[in-house]
Amino acid sequence: MFLLMCPKCKNKMKYQPRGSLDGKKKKCVYCGYSFTVHPDQKKSRIIS
């Protein structure tokens, strides 16, 4: 399970992907903004 940060509203949410992270999209549960989850830690919004 990962902790993601929304690039728009900066809120943190939990995310548990099924399979690899290549091309996965996540929709923010707070503001509804949709963003891509990258497997690369520097490009990603993965906090921990």
PDB file of N, CA and C in Angstrom:
ATOM      1  N   MET A   1       0.845  -1.165   0.000  1.00  0.00           N
ATOM      2  CA  MET A   1       0.000   0.000   0.000  1.00  0.00           C
ATOM      3  C   MET A   1       0.896   1.235   0.000  1.00  0.00           C
ATOM      4  N   PHE A   2       0.529   2.215  -0.830  1.00  0.00           N
ATOM      5  CA  PHE A   2       1.287   3.449  -0.959  1.00  0.00           C
ATOM      6  C   PHE A   2       0.484   4.614  -0.400  1.00  0.00           C
ATOM      7  N   LEU A   3       1.187   5.663  -0.067  1.00  0.00           N
ATOM      8  CA  LEU A   3       0.567   6.916   0.331  1.00  0.00           C
ATOM      9  C   LEU A   3       0.881   7.914  -0.775  1.00  0.00           C
ATOM     10  N   LEU A   4      -0.158   8.428  -1.446  1.00  0.00           N
ATOM     11  CA  LEU A   4       0.004   9.351  -2.555  1.00  0.00           C
ATOM     12  C   LEU A   4      -0.414  10.753  -2.143  1.00  0.00           C
ATOM     13  N   MET A   5       0.176  11.748  -2.821  1.00  0.00           N
ATOM     14  CA  MET A   5      -0.224  13.130  -2.605  1.00  0.00           C
ATOM     15  C   MET A   5      -0.782  13.673  -3.919  1.00  0.00           C
ATOM     16  N   CYS A   6      -1.952  14.265  -3.863  1.00  0.00           N
ATOM     17  CA  CYS A   6      -2.580  14.860  -5.039  1.00  0.00           C
ATOM     18  C   CYS A   6      -1.778  16.080  -5.465  1.00  0.00           C
ATOM     19  N   PRO A   7      -1.419  16.197  -6.766  1.00  0.00           N
ATOM     20  CA  PRO A   7      -0.653  17.359  -7.206  1.00  0.00           C
ATOM     21  C   PRO A   7      -1.460  18.662  -7.206  1.00  0.00           C
ATOM     22  N   LYS A   8      -2.781  18.567  -7.200  1.00  0.00           N
ATOM     23  CA  LYS A   8      -3.617  19.766  -7.255  1.00  0.00           C
ATOM     24  C   LYS A   8      -3.960  20.296  -5.863  1.00  0.00           C
ATOM     25  N   CYS A   9      -4.550  19.450  -5.000  1.00  0.00           N
ATOM     26  CA  CYS A   9      -5.008  19.924  -3.684  1.00  0.00           C
ATOM     27  C   CYS A   9      -4.051  19.559  -2.546  1.00  0.00           C
ATOM     28  N   LYS A  10      -3.018  18.769  -2.830  1.00  0.00           N
ATOM     29  CA  LYS A  10      -1.965  18.391  -1.869  1.00  0.00           C
ATOM     30  C   LYS A  10      -2.456  17.506  -0.716  1.00  0.00           C
ATOM     31  N   ASN A  11      -3.654  16.924  -0.829  1.00  0.00           N
ATOM     32  CA  ASN A  11      -4.125  16.001   0.192  1.00  0.00           C
ATOM     33  C   ASN A  11      -3.482  14.636  -0.011  1.00  0.00           C
ATOM     34  N   LYS A  12      -3.356  13.886   1.081  1.00  0.00           N
ATOM     35  CA  LYS A  12      -2.740  12.560   1.029  1.00  0.00           C
ATOM     36  C   LYS A  12      -3.822  11.493   1.079  1.00  0.00           C
ATOM     37  N   MET A  13      -3.623  10.412   0.283  1.00  0.00           N
ATOM     38  CA  MET A  13      -4.582   9.305   0.254  1.00  0.00           C
ATOM     39  C   MET A  13      -3.848   7.993   0.070  1.00  0.00           C
ATOM     40  N   LYS A  14      -4.460   6.913   0.514  1.00  0.00           N
ATOM     41  CA  LYS A  14      -3.888   5.583   0.379  1.00  0.00           C
ATOM     42  C   LYS A  14      -4.202   5.029  -1.007  1.00  0.00           C
ATOM     43  N   TYR A  15      -3.279   4.194  -1.533  1.00  0.00           N
ATOM     44  CA  TYR A  15      -3.456   3.596  -2.853  1.00  0.00           C
ATOM     45  C   TYR A  15      -2.821   2.222  -2.856  1.00  0.00           C
ATOM     46  N   GLN A  16      -3.582   1.210  -3.224  1.00  0.00           N
ATOM     47  CA  GLN A  16      -3.064  -0.146  -3.330  1.00  0.00           C
ATOM     48  C   GLN A  16      -3.316  -0.643  -4.750  1.00  0.00           C
ATOM     49  N   PRO A  17      -2.283  -0.567  -5.614  1.00  0.00           N
ATOM     50  CA  PRO A  17      -2.473  -0.961  -7.004  1.00  0.00           C
ATOM     51  C   PRO A  17      -2.516  -2.472  -7.164  1.00  0.00           C
ATOM     52  N   ARG A  18      -3.145  -2.897  -8.224  1.00  0.00           N
ATOM     53  CA  ARG A  18      -3.138  -4.318  -8.600  1.00  0.00           C
ATOM     54  C   ARG A  18      -2.214  -4.454  -9.793  1.00  0.00           C
ATOM     55  N   GLY A  19      -1.147  -5.199  -9.627  1.00  0.00           N
ATOM     56  CA  GLY A  19      -0.169  -5.344 -10.701  1.00  0.00           C
ATOM     57  C   GLY A  19       0.876  -4.242 -10.661  1.00  0.00           C
ATOM     58  N   SER A  20       1.487  -3.982 -11.826  1.00  0.00           N
ATOM     59  CA  SER A  20       2.549  -2.978 -11.893  1.00  0.00           C
ATOM     60  C   SER A  20       1.958  -1.567 -11.965  1.00  0.00           C
ATOM     61  N   LEU A  21       2.806  -0.581 -11.760  1.00  0.00           N
ATOM     62  CA  LEU A  21       2.373   0.816 -11.756  1.00  0.00           C
ATOM     63  C   LEU A  21       2.470   1.475 -13.128  1.00  0.00           C
ATOM     64  N   ASP A  22       2.872   0.737 -14.161  1.00  0.00           N
ATOM     65  CA  ASP A  22       3.053   1.306 -15.495  1.00  0.00           C
ATOM     66  C   ASP A  22       1.729   1.809 -16.056  1.00  0.00           C
ATOM     67  N   GLY A  23       1.613   3.120 -16.232  1.00  0.00           N
ATOM     68  CA  GLY A  23       0.442   3.732 -16.839  1.00  0.00           C
ATOM     69  C   GLY A  23      -0.801   3.777 -15.975  1.00  0.00           C
ATOM     70  N   LYS A  24      -0.678   3.572 -14.669  1.00  0.00           N
ATOM     71  CA  LYS A  24      -1.839   3.608 -13.780  1.00  0.00           C
ATOM     72  C   LYS A  24      -2.268   5.048 -13.520  1.00  0.00           C
ATOM     73  N   LYS A  25      -3.551   5.264 -13.434  1.00  0.00           N
ATOM     74  CA  LYS A  25      -4.117   6.575 -13.121  1.00  0.00           C
ATOM     75  C   LYS A  25      -4.842   6.487 -11.791  1.00  0.00           C
ATOM     76  N   LYS A  26      -4.835   7.560 -11.057  1.00  0.00           N
ATOM     77  CA  LYS A  26      -5.515   7.641  -9.765  1.00  0.00           C
ATOM     78  C   LYS A  26      -6.347   8.906  -9.753  1.00  0.00           C
ATOM     79  N   LYS A  27      -7.556   8.810  -9.249  1.00  0.00           N
ATOM     80  CA  LYS A  27      -8.430   9.963  -9.112  1.00  0.00           C
ATOM     81  C   LYS A  27      -8.443  10.366  -7.641  1.00  0.00           C
ATOM     82  N   CYS A  28      -8.226  11.639  -7.379  1.00  0.00           N
ATOM     83  CA  CYS A  28      -8.198  12.149  -6.013  1.00  0.00           C
ATOM     84  C   CYS A  28      -9.585  12.007  -5.388  1.00  0.00           C
ATOM     85  N   VAL A  29      -9.634  11.499  -4.173  1.00  0.00           N
ATOM     86  CA  VAL A  29     -10.908  11.308  -3.481  1.00  0.00           C
ATOM     87  C   VAL A  29     -11.432  12.617  -2.892  1.00  0.00           C
ATOM     88  N   TYR A  30     -10.597  13.652  -2.850  1.00  0.00           N
ATOM     89  CA  TYR A  30     -11.001  14.928  -2.272  1.00  0.00           C
ATOM     90  C   TYR A  30     -11.472  15.928  -3.334  1.00  0.00           C
ATOM     91  N   CYS A  31     -10.675  16.106  -4.419  1.00  0.00           N
ATOM     92  CA  CYS A  31     -11.021  17.118  -5.418  1.00  0.00           C
ATOM     93  C   CYS A  31     -11.438  16.533  -6.769  1.00  0.00           C
ATOM     94  N   GLY A  32     -11.221  15.233  -6.994  1.00  0.00           N
ATOM     95  CA  GLY A  32     -11.618  14.597  -8.243  1.00  0.00           C
ATOM     96  C   GLY A  32     -10.604  14.713  -9.366  1.00  0.00           C
ATOM     97  N   TYR A  33      -9.438  15.294  -9.113  1.00  0.00           N
ATOM     98  CA  TYR A  33      -8.396  15.443 -10.117  1.00  0.00           C
ATOM     99  C   TYR A  33      -7.791  14.079 -10.429  1.00  0.00           C
ATOM    100  N   SER A  34      -7.584  13.765 -11.711  1.00  0.00           N
ATOM    101  CA  SER A  34      -7.022  12.493 -12.134  1.00  0.00           C
ATOM    102  C   SER A  34      -5.562  12.699 -12.542  1.00  0.00           C
ATOM    103  N   PHE A  35      -4.655  11.855 -12.021  1.00  0.00           N
ATOM    104  CA  PHE A  35      -3.235  11.979 -12.330  1.00  0.00           C
ATOM    105  C   PHE A  35      -2.616  10.602 -12.483  1.00  0.00           C
ATOM    106  N   THR A  36      -1.469  10.554 -13.152  1.00  0.00           N
ATOM    107  CA  THR A  36      -0.764   9.301 -13.414  1.00  0.00           C
ATOM    108  C   THR A  36       0.163   8.978 -12.253  1.00  0.00           C
ATOM    109  N   VAL A  37       0.192   7.712 -11.885  1.00  0.00           N
ATOM    110  CA  VAL A  37       1.100   7.226 -10.837  1.00  0.00           C
ATOM    111  C   VAL A  37       2.282   6.575 -11.535  1.00  0.00           C
ATOM    112  N   HIS A  38       3.463   7.174 -11.401  1.00  0.00           N
ATOM    113  CA  HIS A  38       4.669   6.658 -12.044  1.00  0.00           C
ATOM    114  C   HIS A  38       5.395   5.690 -11.113  1.00  0.00           C
ATOM    115  N   PRO A  39       6.009   4.641 -11.677  1.00  0.00           N
ATOM    116  CA  PRO A  39       6.813   3.749 -10.836  1.00  0.00           C
ATOM    117  C   PRO A  39       8.113   4.413 -10.364  1.00  0.00           C
ATOM    118  N   ASP A  40       8.575   5.449 -11.071  1.00  0.00           N
ATOM    119  CA  ASP A  40       9.784   6.170 -10.694  1.00  0.00           C
ATOM    120  C   ASP A  40       9.481   7.095  -9.515  1.00  0.00           C
ATOM    121  N   GLN A  41      10.210   6.968  -8.437  1.00  0.00           N
ATOM    122  CA  GLN A  41       9.937   7.725  -7.210  1.00  0.00           C
ATOM    123  C   GLN A  41      10.113   9.224  -7.404  1.00  0.00           C
ATOM    124  N   LYS A  42      11.018   9.669  -8.279  1.00  0.00           N
ATOM    125  CA  LYS A  42      11.249  11.111  -8.461  1.00  0.00           C
ATOM    126  C   LYS A  42      10.114  11.772  -9.225  1.00  0.00           C
ATOM    127  N   LYS A  43       9.517  11.069 -10.208  1.00  0.00           N
ATOM    128  CA  LYS A  43       8.417  11.625 -10.992  1.00  0.00           C
ATOM    129  C   LYS A  43       7.073  11.429 -10.312  1.00  0.00           C
ATOM    130  N   SER A  44       7.028  10.538  -9.355  1.00  0.00           N
ATOM    131  CA  SER A  44       5.784  10.114  -8.783  1.00  0.00           C
ATOM    132  C   SER A  44       5.318  11.002  -7.646  1.00  0.00           C
ATOM    133  N   ARG A  45       4.086  10.752  -7.244  1.00  0.00           N
ATOM    134  CA  ARG A  45       3.513  11.422  -6.080  1.00  0.00           C
ATOM    135  C   ARG A  45       3.492  10.480  -4.882  1.00  0.00           C
ATOM    136  N   ILE A  46       4.306   9.410  -4.933  1.00  0.00           N
ATOM    137  CA  ILE A  46       4.359   8.437  -3.836  1.00  0.00           C
ATOM    138  C   ILE A  46       5.158   9.038  -2.692  1.00  0.00           C
ATOM    139  N   ILE A  47       4.557   9.072  -1.528  1.00  0.00           N
ATOM    140  CA  ILE A  47       5.239   9.621  -0.347  1.00  0.00           C
ATOM    141  C   ILE A  47       5.965   8.517   0.417  1.00  0.00           C
ATOM    142  N   SER A  48       5.284   7.409   0.632  1.00  0.00           N
ATOM    143  CA  SER A  48       5.937   6.294   1.332  1.00  0.00           C
ATOM    144  C   SER A  48       5.382   4.982   0.856  1.00  0.00           C
TER     145      SER A  48
END
